[in-house]
Amino acid sequence: MTGRDTASAVNPLADYLRPNLDLVFVGINPGTKSAATCHHYAGPGNHFWPLLFESGLIAEPLTFHEDARILEWNIGLTNMVARPSPSITDLSLAEMRAGAVTLREKLERHRPRIACFNGKRIYEIFAGHQCEFGLQEQSLSQTDVFVMPSTSARTAAYQRADKLKFFQALAHVVRREQQVAS
């Protein structure tokens, strides 16, 4: 293993977080492609980056190679579990619950206006209850919570056009929150 491979095995992806972001996207964990490239949402066919632009959340198209630029739009990225895996089914419930504790600490420390969970199952594990997609009634301290279908290409129940509607709804919530904060 090279030094980079060793680092990837221990901490494959940097969090892009700072205090008071408008929005933080929360993924379950790095996929194998993201871990190999050390970039968020790098999986083949992942809809995250195109939908981020198409929804108006960012002003120019980005790819996973430019993930650090996300902070230019006051948006952050993090994961609930740091360990990479091919899919959520490769993570134990105990591992996800432990990741939820760490994630809660990150969100409370950085206090973004909105935390968007990229996948319903991860929010249900995080919150300890079932949920529907969209803006949640329950918030975390000063952070509103939005839940959307996973942007993974493996999420067959929701096609790209369906996912775009959730991104557009999220963009509306972000703009509303920005107006309230002004």
Foldseek 3Di string as FASTA:
>chain_A
DDPLLVCLQVFQEDKQAAAAFLEEEEEAEAEPQCSVVRFPPQDPQQLPQVLCCVLPLDPDGDHRVPRNCNCVSSYIYDYLARGYYNDPVVDDLVRLLVSLVVVLVRCVVRVYQEYEYQAQVSVCSNVVHHDDAAWDPDARPNYTYGYAYHSDPPPVVADSVNRSVSSNRVVVVSVVVVVVVD
